[in-house]
Amino acid sequence: MKPNNQPIKEFLIKKLAINRILPNKVISERDIDAVITHQFDRAHNATNLYNSIEISGFGKFYFAQNKANKEMTKLLTVKELLEAKLLSPLTEKEERKTQLKLNTVLTNIKALKPKLITNVVD
């Protein structure tokens, strides 16, 4: 069963590695899990610092500035709409739902903002 906080790709790679290596009892499942988790953590951290990363056997991944600028513009528009909606009268359930969406948008803005070269953000 895949844990909710684990990306599907990481889960599948771990399962494949465990199924291929474990029958030979060469490396323990815990060690395989630790190595793969470390690799994914390092790759994730590298994406925050660099515009491209290369993972052996998977290829090179690039950060697309144009797509990021468009996404940031969209996020800022959604943020304004949600903030305006929160100012209008809402039921408690609608207000909670809108606040949750706004928090998600703000988290995405915060994550994307350091990577942008052009100044789309206010």
PDB file of N, CA and C in Angstrom:
ATOM      1  N   MET A   1       0.842  -1.184   0.000  1.00  0.00           N
ATOM      2  CA  MET A   1       0.000   0.000   0.000  1.00  0.00           C
ATOM      3  C   MET A   1       0.881   1.239   0.000  1.00  0.00           C
ATOM      4  N   LYS A   2       0.621   2.152  -0.913  1.00  0.00           N
ATOM      5  CA  LYS A   2       1.406   3.374  -1.048  1.00  0.00           C
ATOM      6  C   LYS A   2       1.028   4.358   0.056  1.00  0.00           C
ATOM      7  N   PRO A   3       2.011   4.901   0.779  1.00  0.00           N
ATOM      8  CA  PRO A   3       1.718   5.956   1.758  1.00  0.00           C
ATOM      9  C   PRO A   3       1.207   7.217   1.046  1.00  0.00           C
ATOM     10  N   ASN A   4       0.295   7.952   1.676  1.00  0.00           N
ATOM     11  CA  ASN A   4      -0.306   9.142   1.068  1.00  0.00           C
ATOM     12  C   ASN A   4       0.710  10.245   0.798  1.00  0.00           C
ATOM     13  N   ASN A   5       1.748  10.344   1.626  1.00  0.00           N
ATOM     14  CA  ASN A   5       2.705  11.438   1.471  1.00  0.00           C
ATOM     15  C   ASN A   5       3.853  11.096   0.527  1.00  0.00           C
ATOM     16  N   GLN A   6       3.797   9.970  -0.130  1.00  0.00           N
ATOM     17  CA  GLN A   6       4.882   9.535  -1.009  1.00  0.00           C
ATOM     18  C   GLN A   6       4.443   9.618  -2.471  1.00  0.00           C
ATOM     19  N   PRO A   7       5.248  10.281  -3.311  1.00  0.00           N
ATOM     20  CA  PRO A   7       4.902  10.338  -4.743  1.00  0.00           C
ATOM     21  C   PRO A   7       4.862   8.936  -5.354  1.00  0.00           C
ATOM     22  N   ILE A   8       3.985   8.762  -6.329  1.00  0.00           N
ATOM     23  CA  ILE A   8       3.784   7.448  -6.946  1.00  0.00           C
ATOM     24  C   ILE A   8       5.052   6.930  -7.618  1.00  0.00           C
ATOM     25  N   LYS A   9       5.815   7.837  -8.268  1.00  0.00           N
ATOM     26  CA  LYS A   9       7.045   7.403  -8.936  1.00  0.00           C
ATOM     27  C   LYS A   9       8.036   6.824  -7.930  1.00  0.00           C
ATOM     28  N   GLU A  10       8.195   7.510  -6.817  1.00  0.00           N
ATOM     29  CA  GLU A  10       9.125   7.031  -5.789  1.00  0.00           C
ATOM     30  C   GLU A  10       8.669   5.671  -5.255  1.00  0.00           C
ATOM     31  N   PHE A  11       7.380   5.528  -5.018  1.00  0.00           N
ATOM     32  CA  PHE A  11       6.832   4.271  -4.529  1.00  0.00           C
ATOM     33  C   PHE A  11       7.100   3.130  -5.501  1.00  0.00           C
ATOM     34  N   LEU A  12       6.829   3.373  -6.789  1.00  0.00           N
ATOM     35  CA  LEU A  12       7.024   2.331  -7.800  1.00  0.00           C
ATOM     36  C   LEU A  12       8.494   1.942  -7.956  1.00  0.00           C
ATOM     37  N   ILE A  13       9.374   2.928  -7.941  1.00  0.00           N
ATOM     38  CA  ILE A  13      10.807   2.634  -8.065  1.00  0.00           C
ATOM     39  C   ILE A  13      11.285   1.807  -6.881  1.00  0.00           C
ATOM     40  N   LYS A  14      10.828   2.154  -5.689  1.00  0.00           N
ATOM     41  CA  LYS A  14      11.206   1.369  -4.503  1.00  0.00           C
ATOM     42  C   LYS A  14      10.705  -0.064  -4.626  1.00  0.00           C
ATOM     43  N   LYS A  15       9.455  -0.222  -5.046  1.00  0.00           N
ATOM     44  CA  LYS A  15       8.891  -1.572  -5.176  1.00  0.00           C
ATOM     45  C   LYS A  15       9.658  -2.394  -6.207  1.00  0.00           C
ATOM     46  N   LEU A  16       9.977  -1.785  -7.351  1.00  0.00           N
ATOM     47  CA  LEU A  16      10.733  -2.494  -8.389  1.00  0.00           C
ATOM     48  C   LEU A  16      12.113  -2.899  -7.873  1.00  0.00           C
ATOM     49  N   ALA A  17      12.782  -1.980  -7.204  1.00  0.00           N
ATOM     50  CA  ALA A  17      14.121  -2.276  -6.688  1.00  0.00           C
ATOM     51  C   ALA A  17      14.066  -3.384  -5.647  1.00  0.00           C
ATOM     52  N   ILE A  18      13.095  -3.310  -4.764  1.00  0.00           N
ATOM     53  CA  ILE A  18      12.977  -4.334  -3.712  1.00  0.00           C
ATOM     54  C   ILE A  18      12.675  -5.700  -4.330  1.00  0.00           C
ATOM     55  N   ASN A  19      11.762  -5.740  -5.298  1.00  0.00           N
ATOM     56  CA  ASN A  19      11.400  -7.015  -5.929  1.00  0.00           C
ATOM     57  C   ASN A  19      12.560  -7.628  -6.706  1.00  0.00           C
ATOM     58  N   ARG A  20      13.425  -6.800  -7.275  1.00  0.00           N
ATOM     59  CA  ARG A  20      14.553  -7.328  -8.054  1.00  0.00           C
ATOM     60  C   ARG A  20      15.736  -7.733  -7.181  1.00  0.00           C
ATOM     61  N   ILE A  21      15.970  -7.002  -6.113  1.00  0.00           N
ATOM     62  CA  ILE A  21      17.158  -7.249  -5.291  1.00  0.00           C
ATOM     63  C   ILE A  21      16.867  -8.198  -4.131  1.00  0.00           C
ATOM     64  N   LEU A  22      15.687  -8.081  -3.540  1.00  0.00           N
ATOM     65  CA  LEU A  22      15.376  -8.848  -2.339  1.00  0.00           C
ATOM     66  C   LEU A  22      15.423 -10.368  -2.518  1.00  0.00           C
ATOM     67  N   PRO A  23      14.988 -10.943  -3.648  1.00  0.00           N
ATOM     68  CA  PRO A  23      15.055 -12.402  -3.763  1.00  0.00           C
ATOM     69  C   PRO A  23      16.477 -12.946  -3.598  1.00  0.00           C
ATOM     70  N   ASN A  24      17.466 -12.165  -3.977  1.00  0.00           N
ATOM     71  CA  ASN A  24      18.860 -12.596  -3.821  1.00  0.00           C
ATOM     72  C   ASN A  24      19.394 -12.328  -2.419  1.00  0.00           C
ATOM     73  N   LYS A  25      18.621 -11.601  -1.599  1.00  0.00           N
ATOM     74  CA  LYS A  25      18.998 -11.269  -0.219  1.00  0.00           C
ATOM     75  C   LYS A  25      20.346 -10.539  -0.152  1.00  0.00           C
ATOM     76  N   VAL A  26      20.655  -9.767  -1.190  1.00  0.00           N
ATOM     77  CA  VAL A  26      21.921  -9.042  -1.233  1.00  0.00           C
ATOM     78  C   VAL A  26      21.861  -7.799  -0.345  1.00  0.00           C
ATOM     79  N   ILE A  27      20.756  -7.068  -0.438  1.00  0.00           N
ATOM     80  CA  ILE A  27      20.596  -5.824   0.314  1.00  0.00           C
ATOM     81  C   ILE A  27      19.229  -5.865   1.001  1.00  0.00           C
ATOM     82  N   SER A  28      19.159  -5.333   2.213  1.00  0.00           N
ATOM     83  CA  SER A  28      17.888  -5.360   2.944  1.00  0.00           C
ATOM     84  C   SER A  28      16.915  -4.331   2.378  1.00  0.00           C
ATOM     85  N   GLU A  29      15.635  -4.558   2.600  1.00  0.00           N
ATOM     86  CA  GLU A  29      14.594  -3.642   2.126  1.00  0.00           C
ATOM     87  C   GLU A  29      14.769  -2.260   2.745  1.00  0.00           C
ATOM     88  N   ARG A  30      15.159  -2.224   4.007  1.00  0.00           N
ATOM     89  CA  ARG A  30      15.375  -0.948   4.697  1.00  0.00           C
ATOM     90  C   ARG A  30      16.478  -0.140   4.026  1.00  0.00           C
ATOM     91  N   ASP A  31      17.562  -0.795   3.619  1.00  0.00           N
ATOM     92  CA  ASP A  31      18.670  -0.104   2.960  1.00  0.00           C
ATOM     93  C   ASP A  31      18.262   0.405   1.578  1.00  0.00           C
ATOM     94  N   ILE A  32      17.521  -0.408   0.842  1.00  0.00           N
ATOM     95  CA  ILE A  32      17.029   0.016  -0.479  1.00  0.00           C
ATOM     96  C   ILE A  32      16.145   1.248  -0.321  1.00  0.00           C
ATOM     97  N   ASP A  33      15.240   1.181   0.653  1.00  0.00           N
ATOM     98  CA  ASP A  33      14.337   2.295   0.908  1.00  0.00           C
ATOM     99  C   ASP A  33      15.124   3.563   1.263  1.00  0.00           C
ATOM    100  N   ALA A  34      16.134   3.436   2.092  1.00  0.00           N
ATOM    101  CA  ALA A  34      16.947   4.588   2.507  1.00  0.00           C
ATOM    102  C   ALA A  34      17.680   5.212   1.324  1.00  0.00           C
ATOM    103  N   VAL A  35      18.257   4.395   0.454  1.00  0.00           N
ATOM    104  CA  VAL A  35      19.000   4.900  -0.704  1.00  0.00           C
ATOM    105  C   VAL A  35      18.064   5.635  -1.669  1.00  0.00           C
ATOM    106  N   ILE A  36      16.939   5.038  -1.984  1.00  0.00           N
ATOM    107  CA  ILE A  36      16.014   5.652  -2.933  1.00  0.00           C
ATOM    108  C   ILE A  36      15.415   6.931  -2.348  1.00  0.00           C
ATOM    109  N   THR A  37      15.053   6.913  -1.084  1.00  0.00           N
ATOM    110  CA  THR A  37      14.528   8.118  -0.439  1.00  0.00           C
ATOM    111  C   THR A  37      15.566   9.231  -0.474  1.00  0.00           C
ATOM    112  N   HIS A  38      16.814   8.895  -0.187  1.00  0.00           N
ATOM    113  CA  HIS A  38      17.892   9.893  -0.229  1.00  0.00           C
ATOM    114  C   HIS A  38      18.034  10.487  -1.630  1.00  0.00           C
ATOM    115  N   GLN A  39      18.011   9.630  -2.654  1.00  0.00           N
ATOM    116  CA  GLN A  39      18.151  10.107  -4.036  1.00  0.00           C
ATOM    117  C   GLN A  39      17.016  11.061  -4.415  1.00  0.00           C
ATOM    118  N   PHE A  40      15.794  10.704  -4.073  1.00  0.00           N
ATOM    119  CA  PHE A  40      14.661  11.568  -4.399  1.00  0.00           C
ATOM    120  C   PHE A  40      14.706  12.874  -3.612  1.00  0.00           C
ATOM    121  N   ASP A  41      15.112  12.809  -2.347  1.00  0.00           N
ATOM    122  CA  ASP A  41      15.243  14.034  -1.549  1.00  0.00           C
ATOM    123  C   ASP A  41      16.292  14.962  -2.144  1.00  0.00           C
ATOM    124  N   ARG A  42      17.433  14.407  -2.541  1.00  0.00           N
ATOM    125  CA  ARG A  42      18.496  15.223  -3.152  1.00  0.00           C
ATOM    126  C   ARG A  42      18.051  15.814  -4.486  1.00  0.00           C
ATOM    127  N   ALA A  43      17.332  15.034  -5.282  1.00  0.00           N
ATOM    128  CA  ALA A  43      16.833  15.534  -6.563  1.00  0.00           C
ATOM    129  C   ALA A  43      15.834  16.668  -6.335  1.00  0.00           C
ATOM    130  N   HIS A  44      14.971  16.505  -5.349  1.00  0.00           N
ATOM    131  CA  HIS A  44      13.994  17.550  -5.029  1.00  0.00           C
ATOM    132  C   HIS A  44      14.704  18.827  -4.577  1.00  0.00           C
ATOM    133  N   ASN A  45      15.703  18.689  -3.718  1.00  0.00           N
ATOM    134  CA  ASN A  45      16.467  19.859  -3.252  1.00  0.00           C
ATOM    135  C   ASN A  45      17.210  20.525  -4.404  1.00  0.00           C
ATOM    136  N   ALA A  46      17.725  19.737  -5.331  1.00  0.00           N
ATOM    137  CA  ALA A  46      18.444  20.282  -6.481  1.00  0.00           C
ATOM    138  C   ALA A  46      17.521  21.095  -7.380  1.00  0.00           C
ATOM    139  N   THR A  47      16.263  20.688  -7.483  1.00  0.00           N
ATOM    140  CA  THR A  47      15.332  21.456  -8.320  1.00  0.00           C
ATOM    141  C   THR A  47      15.086  22.846  -7.752  1.00  0.00           C
ATOM    142  N   ASN A  48      15.281  23.018  -6.455  1.00  0.00           N
ATOM    143  CA  ASN A  48      15.131  24.344  -5.851  1.00  0.00           C
ATOM    144  C   ASN A  48      16.325  25.241  -6.153  1.00  0.00           C
ATOM    145  N   LEU A  49      17.476  24.640  -6.439  1.00  0.00           N
ATOM    146  CA  LEU A  49      18.697  25.413  -6.674  1.00  0.00           C
ATOM    147  C   LEU A  49      19.023  25.609  -8.150  1.00  0.00           C
ATOM    148  N   TYR A  50      18.696  24.631  -8.978  1.00  0.00           N
ATOM    149  CA  TYR A  50      19.122  24.645 -10.376  1.00  0.00           C
ATOM    150  C   TYR A  50      17.918  24.541 -11.307  1.00  0.00           C
ATOM    151  N   ASN A  51      18.107  24.968 -12.550  1.00  0.00           N
ATOM    152  CA  ASN A  51      17.030  24.908 -13.540  1.00  0.00           C
ATOM    153  C   ASN A  51      16.991  23.597 -14.300  1.00  0.00           C
ATOM    154  N   SER A  52      17.972  22.724 -14.075  1.00  0.00           N
ATOM    155  CA  SER A  52      17.924  21.393 -14.682  1.00  0.00           C
ATOM    156  C   SER A  52      18.654  20.414 -13.775  1.00  0.00           C
ATOM    157  N   ILE A  53      18.177  19.179 -13.800  1.00  0.00           N
ATOM    158  CA  ILE A  53      18.849  18.109 -13.068  1.00  0.00           C
ATOM    159  C   ILE A  53      18.875  16.886 -13.975  1.00  0.00           C
ATOM    160  N   GLU A  54      19.872  16.051 -13.769  1.00  0.00           N
ATOM    161  CA  GLU A  54      19.970  14.822 -14.548  1.00  0.00           C
ATOM    162  C   GLU A  54      20.031  13.652 -13.582  1.00  0.00           C
ATOM    163  N   ILE A  55      19.168  12.694 -13.805  1.00  0.00           N
ATOM    164  CA  ILE A  55      19.131  11.493 -12.977  1.00  0.00           C
ATOM    165  C   ILE A  55      19.508  10.330 -13.882  1.00  0.00           C
ATOM    166  N   SER A  56      20.584   9.667 -13.539  1.00  0.00           N
ATOM    167  CA  SER A  56      21.077   8.568 -14.347  1.00  0.00           C
ATOM    168  C   SER A  56      19.991   7.510 -14.537  1.00  0.00           C
ATOM    169  N   GLY A  57      19.767   7.152 -15.786  1.00  0.00           N
ATOM    170  CA  GLY A  57      18.757   6.154 -16.101  1.00  0.00           C
ATOM    171  C   GLY A  57      17.370   6.730 -16.326  1.00  0.00           C
ATOM    172  N   PHE A  58      17.176   8.004 -15.990  1.00  0.00           N
ATOM    173  CA  PHE A  58      15.864   8.640 -16.160  1.00  0.00           C
ATOM    174  C   PHE A  58      15.911   9.804 -17.139  1.00  0.00           C
ATOM    175  N   GLY A  59      17.064  10.449 -17.254  1.00  0.00           N
ATOM    176  CA  GLY A  59      17.196  11.557 -18.190  1.00  0.00           C
ATOM    177  C   GLY A  59      17.390  12.883 -17.496  1.00  0.00           C
ATOM    178  N   LYS A  60      17.308  13.934 -18.293  1.00  0.00           N
ATOM    179  CA  LYS A  60      17.514  15.286 -17.797  1.00  0.00           C
ATOM    180  C   LYS A  60      16.175  15.997 -17.727  1.00  0.00           C
ATOM    181  N   PHE A  61      15.958  16.715 -16.633  1.00  0.00           N
ATOM    182  CA  PHE A  61      14.715  17.427 -16.405  1.00  0.00           C
ATOM    183  C   PHE A  61      15.015  18.913 -16.319  1.00  0.00           C
ATOM    184  N   TYR A  62      14.203  19.721 -17.022  1.00  0.00           N
ATOM    185  CA  TYR A  62      14.410  21.164 -17.088  1.00  0.00           C
ATOM    186  C   TYR A  62      13.257  21.904 -16.428  1.00  0.00           C
ATOM    187  N   PHE A  63      13.584  23.040 -15.822  1.00  0.00           N
ATOM    188  CA  PHE A  63      12.579  23.936 -15.278  1.00  0.00           C
ATOM    189  C   PHE A  63      12.185  24.902 -16.383  1.00  0.00           C
ATOM    190  N   ALA A  64      10.927  24.924 -16.765  1.00  0.00           N
ATOM    191  CA  ALA A  64      10.441  25.754 -17.869  1.00  0.00           C
ATOM    192  C   ALA A  64       9.999  27.118 -17.339  1.00  0.00           C
ATOM    193  N   GLN A  65      10.821  28.151 -17.587  1.00  0.00           N
ATOM    194  CA  GLN A  65      10.514  29.500 -17.100  1.00  0.00           C
ATOM    195  C   GLN A  65       9.196  30.033 -17.657  1.00  0.00           C
ATOM    196  N   ASN A  66       8.960  29.837 -18.958  1.00  0.00           N
ATOM    197  CA  ASN A  66       7.729  30.363 -19.566  1.00  0.00           C
ATOM    198  C   ASN A  66       6.484  29.745 -18.923  1.00  0.00           C
ATOM    199  N   LYS A  67       6.508  28.437 -18.730  1.00  0.00           N
ATOM    200  CA  LYS A  67       5.368  27.764 -18.103  1.00  0.00           C
ATOM    201  C   LYS A  67       5.212  28.233 -16.654  1.00  0.00           C
ATOM    202  N   ALA A  68       6.331  28.426 -15.977  1.00  0.00           N
ATOM    203  CA  ALA A  68       6.290  28.876 -14.585  1.00  0.00           C
ATOM    204  C   ALA A  68       5.702  30.283 -14.490  1.00  0.00           C
ATOM    205  N   ASN A  69       6.071  31.164 -15.422  1.00  0.00           N
ATOM    206  CA  ASN A  69       5.517  32.520 -15.426  1.00  0.00           C
ATOM    207  C   ASN A  69       4.011  32.495 -15.658  1.00  0.00           C
ATOM    208  N   LYS A  70       3.566  31.663 -16.585  1.00  0.00           N
ATOM    209  CA  LYS A  70       2.129  31.537 -16.852  1.00  0.00           C
ATOM    210  C   LYS A  70       1.405  30.967 -15.632  1.00  0.00           C
ATOM    211  N   GLU A  71       2.014  29.966 -15.015  1.00  0.00           N
ATOM    212  CA  GLU A  71       1.415  29.354 -13.821  1.00  0.00           C
ATOM    213  C   GLU A  71       1.323  30.370 -12.682  1.00  0.00           C
ATOM    214  N   MET A  72       2.360  31.193 -12.512  1.00  0.00           N
ATOM    215  CA  MET A  72       2.345  32.203 -11.455  1.00  0.00           C
ATOM    216  C   MET A  72       1.252  33.235 -11.715  1.00  0.00           C
ATOM    217  N   THR A  73       1.096  33.653 -12.958  1.00  0.00           N
ATOM    218  CA  THR A  73       0.033  34.600 -13.307  1.00  0.00           C
ATOM    219  C   THR A  73      -1.327  34.006 -12.973  1.00  0.00           C
ATOM    220  N   LYS A  74      -1.511  32.734 -13.313  1.00  0.00           N
ATOM    221  CA  LYS A  74      -2.772  32.044 -13.017  1.00  0.00           C
ATOM    222  C   LYS A  74      -3.003  31.948 -11.509  1.00  0.00           C
ATOM    223  N   LEU A  75      -1.954  31.587 -10.767  1.00  0.00           N
ATOM    224  CA  LEU A  75      -2.073  31.470  -9.310  1.00  0.00           C
ATOM    225  C   LEU A  75      -2.439  32.805  -8.666  1.00  0.00           C
ATOM    226  N   LEU A  76      -1.839  33.891  -9.143  1.00  0.00           N
ATOM    227  CA  LEU A  76      -2.140  35.210  -8.589  1.00  0.00           C
ATOM    228  C   LEU A  76      -3.591  35.612  -8.873  1.00  0.00           C
ATOM    229  N   THR A  77      -4.084  35.263 -10.048  1.00  0.00           N
ATOM    230  CA  THR A  77      -5.477  35.547 -10.396  1.00  0.00           C
ATOM    231  C   THR A  77      -6.424  34.757  -9.498  1.00  0.00           C
ATOM    232  N   VAL A  78      -6.127  33.476  -9.325  1.00  0.00           N
ATOM    233  CA  VAL A  78      -6.956  32.622  -8.464  1.00  0.00           C
ATOM    234  C   VAL A  78      -6.919  33.131  -7.024  1.00  0.00           C
ATOM    235  N   LYS A  79      -5.751  33.571  -6.580  1.00  0.00           N
ATOM    236  CA  LYS A  79      -5.611  34.119  -5.221  1.00  0.00           C
ATOM    237  C   LYS A  79      -6.529  35.320  -5.027  1.00  0.00           C
ATOM    238  N   GLU A  80      -6.520  36.241  -5.991  1.00  0.00           N
ATOM    239  CA  GLU A  80      -7.379  37.425  -5.900  1.00  0.00           C
ATOM    240  C   GLU A  80      -8.854  37.043  -5.864  1.00  0.00           C
ATOM    241  N   LEU A  81      -9.244  36.086  -6.716  1.00  0.00           N
ATOM    242  CA  LEU A  81     -10.641  35.642  -6.754  1.00  0.00           C
ATOM    243  C   LEU A  81     -11.067  34.998  -5.432  1.00  0.00           C
ATOM    244  N   LEU A  82     -10.192  34.169  -4.882  1.00  0.00           N
ATOM    245  CA  LEU A  82     -10.526  33.498  -3.618  1.00  0.00           C
ATOM    246  C   LEU A  82     -10.586  34.490  -2.463  1.00  0.00           C
ATOM    247  N   GLU A  83      -9.681  35.466  -2.447  1.00  0.00           N
ATOM    248  CA  GLU A  83      -9.714  36.487  -1.390  1.00  0.00           C
ATOM    249  C   GLU A  83     -10.994  37.316  -1.484  1.00  0.00           C
ATOM    250  N   ALA A  84     -11.407  37.636  -2.711  1.00  0.00           N
ATOM    251  CA  ALA A  84     -12.655  38.376  -2.900  1.00  0.00           C
ATOM    252  C   ALA A  84     -13.852  37.538  -2.451  1.00  0.00           C
ATOM    253  N   LYS A  85     -13.811  36.268  -2.742  1.00  0.00           N
ATOM    254  CA  LYS A  85     -14.905  35.371  -2.357  1.00  0.00           C
ATOM    255  C   LYS A  85     -15.015  35.285  -0.835  1.00  0.00           C
ATOM    256  N   LEU A  86     -13.881  35.283  -0.148  1.00  0.00           N
ATOM    257  CA  LEU A  86     -13.899  35.207   1.314  1.00  0.00           C
ATOM    258  C   LEU A  86     -14.506  36.457   1.940  1.00  0.00           C
ATOM    259  N   LEU A  87     -14.466  37.578   1.235  1.00  0.00           N
ATOM    260  CA  LEU A  87     -15.049  38.816   1.757  1.00  0.00           C
ATOM    261  C   LEU A  87     -16.576  38.833   1.627  1.00  0.00           C
ATOM    262  N   SER A  88     -17.116  38.005   0.750  1.00  0.00           N
ATOM    263  CA  SER A  88     -18.566  37.931   0.573  1.00  0.00           C
ATOM    264  C   SER A  88     -19.164  36.974   1.603  1.00  0.00           C
ATOM    265  N   PRO A  89     -20.464  37.087   1.853  1.00  0.00           N
ATOM    266  CA  PRO A  89     -21.098  36.173   2.822  1.00  0.00           C
ATOM    267  C   PRO A  89     -21.094  34.722   2.317  1.00  0.00           C
ATOM    268  N   LEU A  90     -20.573  33.829   3.137  1.00  0.00           N
ATOM    269  CA  LEU A  90     -20.487  32.407   2.794  1.00  0.00           C
ATOM    270  C   LEU A  90     -20.977  31.570   3.963  1.00  0.00           C
ATOM    271  N   THR A  91     -21.414  30.353   3.653  1.00  0.00           N
ATOM    272  CA  THR A  91     -21.725  29.418   4.733  1.00  0.00           C
ATOM    273  C   THR A  91     -20.398  28.967   5.348  1.00  0.00           C
ATOM    274  N   GLU A  92     -20.485  28.391   6.520  1.00  0.00           N
ATOM    275  CA  GLU A  92     -19.256  27.943   7.197  1.00  0.00           C
ATOM    276  C   GLU A  92     -18.501  26.920   6.349  1.00  0.00           C
ATOM    277  N   LYS A  93     -19.237  26.007   5.719  1.00  0.00           N
ATOM    278  CA  LYS A  93     -18.623  24.977   4.894  1.00  0.00           C
ATOM    279  C   LYS A  93     -17.937  25.595   3.665  1.00  0.00           C
ATOM    280  N   GLU A  94     -18.621  26.536   2.996  1.00  0.00           N
ATOM    281  CA  GLU A  94     -18.038  27.198   1.826  1.00  0.00           C
ATOM    282  C   GLU A  94     -16.798  28.008   2.210  1.00  0.00           C
ATOM    283  N   GLU A  95     -16.874  28.672   3.361  1.00  0.00           N
ATOM    284  CA  GLU A  95     -15.741  29.471   3.819  1.00  0.00           C
ATOM    285  C   GLU A  95     -14.526  28.585   4.102  1.00  0.00           C
ATOM    286  N   ARG A  96     -14.740  27.442   4.755  1.00  0.00           N
ATOM    287  CA  ARG A  96     -13.653  26.504   5.033  1.00  0.00           C
ATOM    288  C   ARG A  96     -13.034  25.984   3.743  1.00  0.00           C
ATOM    289  N   LYS A  97     -13.896  25.624   2.798  1.00  0.00           N
ATOM    290  CA  LYS A  97     -13.443  25.102   1.508  1.00  0.00           C
ATOM    291  C   LYS A  97     -12.641  26.160   0.746  1.00  0.00           C
ATOM    292  N   THR A  98     -13.124  27.392   0.731  1.00  0.00           N
ATOM    293  CA  THR A  98     -12.433  28.482   0.048  1.00  0.00           C
ATOM    294  C   THR A  98     -11.105  28.792   0.720  1.00  0.00           C
ATOM    295  N   GLN A  99     -11.076  28.777   2.047  1.00  0.00           N
ATOM    296  CA  GLN A  99      -9.837  29.045   2.780  1.00  0.00           C
ATOM    297  C   GLN A  99      -8.800  27.962   2.503  1.00  0.00           C
ATOM    298  N   LEU A 100      -9.242  26.713   2.416  1.00  0.00           N
ATOM    299  CA  LEU A 100      -8.338  25.609   2.107  1.00  0.00           C
ATOM    300  C   LEU A 100      -7.745  25.771   0.707  1.00  0.00           C
ATOM    301  N   LYS A 101      -8.582  26.141  -0.267  1.00  0.00           N
ATOM    302  CA  LYS A 101      -8.093  26.380  -1.630  1.00  0.00           C
ATOM    303  C   LYS A 101      -7.089  27.538  -1.636  1.00  0.00           C
ATOM    304  N   LEU A 102      -7.406  28.604  -0.902  1.00  0.00           N
ATOM    305  CA  LEU A 102      -6.504  29.759  -0.841  1.00  0.00           C
ATOM    306  C   LEU A 102      -5.165  29.359  -0.227  1.00  0.00           C
ATOM    307  N   ASN A 103      -5.185  28.560   0.818  1.00  0.00           N
ATOM    308  CA  ASN A 103      -3.933  28.105   1.440  1.00  0.00           C
ATOM    309  C   ASN A 103      -3.090  27.294   0.465  1.00  0.00           C
ATOM    310  N   THR A 104      -3.748  26.456  -0.336  1.00  0.00           N
ATOM    311  CA  THR A 104      -3.034  25.673  -1.344  1.00  0.00           C
ATOM    312  C   THR A 104      -2.403  26.583  -2.386  1.00  0.00           C
ATOM    313  N   VAL A 105      -3.154  27.575  -2.849  1.00  0.00           N
ATOM    314  CA  VAL A 105      -2.638  28.525  -3.841  1.00  0.00           C
ATOM    315  C   VAL A 105      -1.446  29.293  -3.268  1.00  0.00           C
ATOM    316  N   LEU A 106      -1.569  29.745  -2.011  1.00  0.00           N
ATOM    317  CA  LEU A 106      -0.471  30.494  -1.381  1.00  0.00           C
ATOM    318  C   LEU A 106       0.783  29.628  -1.216  1.00  0.00           C
ATOM    319  N   THR A 107       0.597  28.362  -0.906  1.00  0.00           N
ATOM    320  CA  THR A 107       1.726  27.433  -0.802  1.00  0.00           C
ATOM    321  C   THR A 107       2.405  27.269  -2.151  1.00  0.00           C
ATOM    322  N   ASN A 108       1.618  27.133  -3.211  1.00  0.00           N
ATOM    323  CA  ASN A 108       2.173  26.990  -4.558  1.00  0.00           C
ATOM    324  C   ASN A 108       2.907  28.256  -4.995  1.00  0.00           C
ATOM    325  N   ILE A 109       2.365  29.424  -4.663  1.00  0.00           N
ATOM    326  CA  ILE A 109       3.025  30.690  -4.982  1.00  0.00           C
ATOM    327  C   ILE A 109       4.363  30.770  -4.256  1.00  0.00           C
ATOM    328  N   LYS A 110       4.356  30.411  -2.984  1.00  0.00           N
ATOM    329  CA  LYS A 110       5.583  30.464  -2.176  1.00  0.00           C
ATOM    330  C   LYS A 110       6.656  29.529  -2.736  1.00  0.00           C
ATOM    331  N   ALA A 111       6.252  28.349  -3.214  1.00  0.00           N
ATOM    332  CA  ALA A 111       7.209  27.382  -3.762  1.00  0.00           C
ATOM    333  C   ALA A 111       7.753  27.821  -5.112  1.00  0.00           C
ATOM    334  N   LEU A 112       6.928  28.456  -5.920  1.00  0.00           N
ATOM    335  CA  LEU A 112       7.312  28.833  -7.282  1.00  0.00           C
ATOM    336  C   LEU A 112       8.087  30.149  -7.339  1.00  0.00           C
ATOM    337  N   LYS A 113       7.795  31.056  -6.433  1.00  0.00           N
ATOM    338  CA  LYS A 113       8.366  32.410  -6.460  1.00  0.00           C
ATOM    339  C   LYS A 113       9.895  32.454  -6.531  1.00  0.00           C
ATOM    340  N   PRO A 114      10.641  31.667  -5.752  1.00  0.00           N
ATOM    341  CA  PRO A 114      12.112  31.754  -5.809  1.00  0.00           C
ATOM    342  C   PRO A 114      12.714  31.316  -7.147  1.00  0.00           C
ATOM    343  N   LYS A 115      11.990  30.533  -7.924  1.00  0.00           N
ATOM    344  CA  LYS A 115      12.522  30.009  -9.181  1.00  0.00           C
ATOM    345  C   LYS A 115      12.326  30.958 -10.362  1.00  0.00           C
ATOM    346  N   LEU A 116      11.454  31.950 -10.211  1.00  0.00           N
ATOM    347  CA  LEU A 116      11.136  32.833 -11.329  1.00  0.00           C
ATOM    348  C   LEU A 116      12.235  33.860 -11.566  1.00  0.00           C
ATOM    349  N   ILE A 117      12.591  34.029 -12.835  1.00  0.00           N
ATOM    350  CA  ILE A 117      13.592  35.032 -13.215  1.00  0.00           C
ATOM    351  C   ILE A 117      12.891  36.368 -13.448  1.00  0.00           C
ATOM    352  N   THR A 118      11.823  36.355 -14.238  1.00  0.00           N
ATOM    353  CA  THR A 118      11.101  37.593 -14.496  1.00  0.00           C
ATOM    354  C   THR A 118      10.243  37.921 -13.296  1.00  0.00           C
ATOM    355  N   ASN A 119       9.871  39.171 -13.178  1.00  0.00           N
ATOM    356  CA  ASN A 119       9.168  39.624 -11.989  1.00  0.00           C
ATOM    357  C   ASN A 119       7.654  39.620 -12.215  1.00  0.00           C
ATOM    358  N   VAL A 120       7.045  38.444 -12.239  1.00  0.00           N
ATOM    359  CA  VAL A 120       5.608  38.317 -12.385  1.00  0.00           C
ATOM    360  C   VAL A 120       4.928  38.604 -11.052  1.00  0.00           C
ATOM    361  N   VAL A 121       5.617  38.262  -9.968  1.00  0.00           N
ATOM    362  CA  VAL A 121       5.083  38.387  -8.616  1.00  0.00           C
ATOM    363  C   VAL A 121       5.174  39.830  -8.167  1.00  0.00           C
ATOM    364  N   ASP A 122       4.131  40.303  -7.414  1.00  0.00           N
ATOM    365  CA  ASP A 122       4.180  41.698  -6.947  1.00  0.00           C
ATOM    366  C   ASP A 122       5.322  41.955  -6.019  1.00  0.00           C
TER     367      ASP A 122
END
